[in-house]
C-alpha cells in the first residue's frame, strides 16, 4: 500500500512563489475574511431546512477556515448547543486541542468520592482520562493516516477547543449541526485557559 501523500493537491496546483502567497491566493479565491478566533473564514452553506423546534435555526451550517502557522493557537472557544465536525482539505496538518468539562450533574458524586479517597486526590488529577474531572484530547487533522492523522475530527457540543497549524497554513472546513448561531458561541480572550474564571459578560 503506497504511503498517503503529505502535500495537498490543491496547494501544489497554486502557482504561488511562497507559502504566504499561496495562503493569500486561497483567501482571495474562497472569499475568506478575518475571523475573531484567528484565521480566515467563509460560510458556504446554511441549510434552508430548520430544526423544527419552532425557531428559524438551520439544521446545519458549513464553513471554510484557513489558519496560518504564524498565528499560533487559535483562541479557546466552544459551541455550547451544537456538535462540530472538522474536515481537512489542504496543506499542513492541523491539531485540535479539546478540553471536556465535567457535567454539573456529576459534581455531587465527585465530592463524595473525594471525601472517601482524600489520599488519592493528586493521583486523580493526573489521571484525566478517568472521567472524574477535566479530560483533554488532541486530534490531528491531515492525510498521513499511518502517522495518526485523520481527515475528520468531531468536537461534541460544549467542549472547549482551539486549533494550531503545524506548518505554513492549513485549509479546513467545519460542519455544525444544528446550524451555527452566534448566541451559542463562547470565545475567550488571548491567554485564557480552561479552568480559569470566565470573564464577566458586559451588560
Protein backbone atom coordinates (compact mmCIF):
# COMPACT_ATOMS: atom_id res chain seq x y z
CA UNK A 1 0.00 0.00 0.00
CA UNK A 2 1.56 3.33 -1.03
CA UNK A 3 2.22 5.95 1.61
CA UNK A 4 -0.51 8.64 1.57
CA UNK A 5 0.70 11.97 0.17
CA UNK A 6 1.64 14.62 2.70
CA UNK A 7 1.14 17.61 0.41
CA UNK A 8 -2.29 18.62 -0.77
CA UNK A 9 -3.12 18.56 -4.48
CA UNK A 10 -4.83 21.91 -4.04
CA UNK A 11 -1.71 23.51 -2.61
CA UNK A 12 0.57 22.09 -5.30
CA UNK A 13 -1.61 23.40 -8.13
CA UNK A 14 -1.47 27.01 -6.95
CA UNK A 15 1.14 28.95 -8.92
CA UNK A 16 2.45 30.90 -5.93
CA UNK A 17 6.14 31.58 -5.21
CA UNK A 18 5.81 31.33 -1.43
CA UNK A 19 3.59 29.68 1.15
CA UNK A 20 2.35 33.09 2.27
CA UNK A 21 1.37 33.94 -1.30
CA UNK A 22 -0.42 30.59 -1.65
CA UNK A 23 -2.42 31.28 1.50
CA UNK A 24 -3.24 34.79 0.30
CA UNK A 25 -4.45 33.40 -3.03
CA UNK A 26 -6.72 30.86 -1.34
CA UNK A 27 -8.10 33.55 0.96
CA UNK A 28 -8.98 35.58 -2.13
CA UNK A 29 -10.35 32.68 -4.21
CA UNK A 30 -12.60 31.40 -1.43
CA UNK A 31 -13.68 34.86 -0.21
CA UNK A 32 -12.34 34.23 3.28
CA UNK A 33 -12.48 37.03 5.84
CA UNK A 34 -10.56 37.58 9.11
CA UNK A 35 -12.22 35.75 11.98
CA UNK A 36 -12.42 36.61 15.67
CA UNK A 37 -10.75 33.40 16.91
CA UNK A 38 -7.82 33.97 14.45
CA UNK A 39 -7.56 32.78 10.88
CA UNK A 40 -9.91 33.37 7.96
CA UNK A 41 -13.44 32.09 7.43
CA UNK A 42 -16.31 31.99 4.94
CA UNK A 43 -19.71 30.39 5.48
CA UNK A 44 -20.52 28.21 2.47
CA UNK A 45 -23.82 26.64 3.47
CA UNK A 46 -26.79 27.42 5.72
CA UNK A 47 -29.46 24.75 5.49
CA UNK A 48 -32.90 26.10 4.49
CA UNK A 49 -34.38 23.23 6.48
CA UNK A 50 -34.85 24.24 10.11
CA UNK A 51 -34.63 22.21 13.28
CA UNK A 52 -38.41 22.09 13.57
CA UNK A 53 -38.38 23.32 17.16
CA UNK A 54 -40.48 26.39 16.47
CA UNK A 55 -37.43 28.50 15.63
CA UNK A 56 -35.77 29.53 12.38
CA UNK A 57 -32.50 27.81 13.25
CA UNK A 58 -30.94 25.92 10.34
CA UNK A 59 -30.46 22.19 10.66
CA UNK A 60 -26.78 22.58 9.73
CA UNK A 61 -24.17 25.05 8.51
CA UNK A 62 -20.74 24.72 6.88
CA UNK A 63 -17.65 26.92 6.52
CA UNK A 64 -14.16 27.12 5.03
CA UNK A 65 -11.47 28.03 7.57
CA UNK A 66 -7.81 28.83 6.94
CA UNK A 67 -5.27 29.12 9.76
CA UNK A 68 -1.64 30.14 9.28
CA UNK A 69 1.18 28.72 11.37
CA UNK A 70 2.45 32.17 12.28
CA UNK A 71 -0.86 32.87 14.05
CA UNK A 72 -0.09 30.25 16.70
CA UNK A 73 -3.02 28.73 18.54
CA UNK A 74 -6.50 29.99 17.79
CA UNK A 75 -8.37 31.32 20.81
CA UNK A 76 -10.14 28.91 23.13
CA UNK A 77 -13.81 28.66 22.22
CA UNK A 78 -16.78 26.33 22.33
CA UNK A 79 -20.14 25.83 20.67
CA UNK A 80 -22.49 25.17 23.57
CA UNK A 81 -25.52 23.99 21.61
CA UNK A 82 -24.20 22.03 18.62
CA UNK A 83 -21.64 19.44 17.56
CA UNK A 84 -18.90 20.45 15.12
CA UNK A 85 -17.17 18.21 12.57
CA UNK A 86 -13.81 19.38 11.18
CA UNK A 87 -12.76 18.37 7.64
CA UNK A 88 -9.16 18.57 6.40
CA UNK A 89 -8.68 19.98 2.89
CA UNK A 90 -5.17 21.23 2.12
CA UNK A 91 -1.54 21.89 3.10
CA UNK A 92 -0.05 21.34 6.58
CA UNK A 93 -1.59 19.12 9.27
CA UNK A 94 -3.59 20.85 11.99
CA UNK A 95 -4.06 19.89 15.63
CA UNK A 96 -7.23 20.37 17.64
CA UNK A 97 -6.88 20.54 21.41
CA UNK A 98 -10.08 19.65 23.26
CA UNK A 99 -10.90 20.03 26.95
CA UNK A 100 -14.02 18.34 28.28
CA UNK A 101 -15.59 19.84 31.38
CA UNK A 102 -17.29 17.63 33.94
CA UNK A 103 -21.04 17.77 33.81
CA UNK A 104 -22.82 19.64 36.57
CA UNK A 105 -24.84 16.55 37.47
CA UNK A 106 -21.65 14.69 38.35
CA UNK A 107 -20.43 17.31 40.79
CA UNK A 108 -22.05 15.80 43.88
CA UNK A 109 -20.77 12.34 43.07
CA UNK A 110 -17.25 13.65 42.65
CA UNK A 111 -17.36 15.39 46.04
CA UNK A 112 -18.37 12.12 47.70
CA UNK A 113 -15.53 10.30 46.00
CA UNK A 114 -13.06 12.94 47.15
CA UNK A 115 -14.20 12.59 50.75
CA UNK A 116 -13.76 8.82 50.60
CA UNK A 117 -10.45 8.92 48.76
CA UNK A 118 -8.69 12.07 50.01
CA UNK A 119 -5.31 10.39 49.85
CA UNK A 120 -5.74 9.75 46.11
CA UNK A 121 -6.58 13.33 45.06
CA UNK A 122 -3.23 14.02 43.43
CA UNK A 123 -3.35 10.76 41.53
CA UNK A 124 -6.86 11.51 40.29
CA UNK A 125 -5.75 14.89 38.94
CA UNK A 126 -3.05 13.21 36.86
CA UNK A 127 -5.48 10.60 35.54
CA UNK A 128 -7.62 12.97 33.50
CA UNK A 129 -8.90 10.14 31.36
CA UNK A 130 -10.62 8.54 34.36
CA UNK A 131 -13.68 10.71 33.65
CA UNK A 132 -13.79 12.23 37.15
CA UNK A 133 -12.56 15.65 36.09
CA UNK A 134 -11.45 17.54 33.02
CA UNK A 135 -10.37 15.34 30.15
CA UNK A 136 -8.05 16.50 27.41
CA UNK A 137 -7.87 15.16 23.87
CA UNK A 138 -5.81 16.01 20.81
CA UNK A 139 -6.98 15.39 17.26
CA UNK A 140 -4.53 15.71 14.39
CA UNK A 141 -6.12 16.51 11.03
CA UNK A 142 -4.28 15.54 7.86
CA UNK A 143 -3.80 12.77 5.30
CA UNK A 144 -0.86 10.84 6.79
CA UNK A 145 -3.01 8.07 8.24
CA UNK A 146 -0.05 5.97 9.37
CA UNK A 147 1.17 8.88 11.49
CA UNK A 148 -2.19 9.08 13.23
CA UNK A 149 -3.65 11.91 11.19
CA UNK A 150 -7.28 11.77 10.18
CA UNK A 151 -9.27 13.75 7.56
CA UNK A 152 -12.09 14.36 10.04
CA UNK A 153 -12.39 15.27 13.71
CA UNK A 154 -15.51 15.60 15.85
CA UNK A 155 -15.96 18.15 18.64
CA UNK A 156 -19.03 17.42 20.78
CA UNK A 157 -21.20 20.30 21.91
CA UNK A 158 -19.95 22.28 24.89
CA UNK A 159 -16.30 21.15 24.58
CA UNK A 160 -13.53 23.75 24.72
CA UNK A 161 -11.36 23.72 21.60
CA UNK A 162 -8.50 25.51 19.91
CA UNK A 163 -6.54 24.80 16.72
CA UNK A 164 -2.94 25.13 15.59
CA UNK A 165 -1.48 24.82 12.10
CA UNK A 166 1.66 22.65 12.08
CA UNK A 167 3.18 24.30 9.02
CA UNK A 168 2.76 27.45 6.95
CA UNK A 169 -1.02 27.22 6.60
CA UNK A 170 -3.93 24.78 6.68
CA UNK A 171 -7.27 24.87 4.89
CA UNK A 172 -10.07 23.02 6.64
CA UNK A 173 -13.84 23.16 6.85
CA UNK A 174 -16.31 22.60 9.62
CA UNK A 175 -19.92 21.46 9.67
CA UNK A 176 -22.09 22.42 12.64
CA UNK A 177 -25.36 20.68 13.50
CA UNK A 178 -27.76 22.11 14.46
CA UNK A 179 -26.66 25.16 12.49
CA UNK A 180 -24.21 27.64 13.99
CA UNK A 181 -25.72 30.63 15.79
CA UNK A 182 -23.66 33.38 17.47
CA UNK A 183 -25.78 33.02 20.63
CA UNK A 184 -24.33 29.53 21.15
CA UNK A 185 -20.70 30.55 20.62
CA UNK A 186 -18.34 31.34 23.51
CA UNK A 187 -14.94 32.88 22.68
CA UNK A 188 -12.27 33.53 25.30
CA UNK A 189 -9.59 36.25 25.21
CA UNK A 190 -5.90 35.70 24.49
CA UNK A 191 -4.14 33.99 27.40
CA UNK A 192 -7.25 32.38 28.89
CA UNK A 193 -7.04 28.64 29.65
CA UNK A 194 -9.77 26.11 30.50
CA UNK A 195 -10.17 26.13 34.26
CA UNK A 196 -9.60 29.88 34.53
CA UNK A 197 -12.57 32.01 35.63
CA UNK A 198 -14.67 33.05 32.68
CA UNK A 199 -14.68 36.82 32.13
CA UNK A 200 -17.90 38.55 33.14
CA UNK A 201 -20.16 39.41 30.24
CA UNK A 202 -20.56 43.09 29.51
CA UNK A 203 -24.08 44.33 30.23
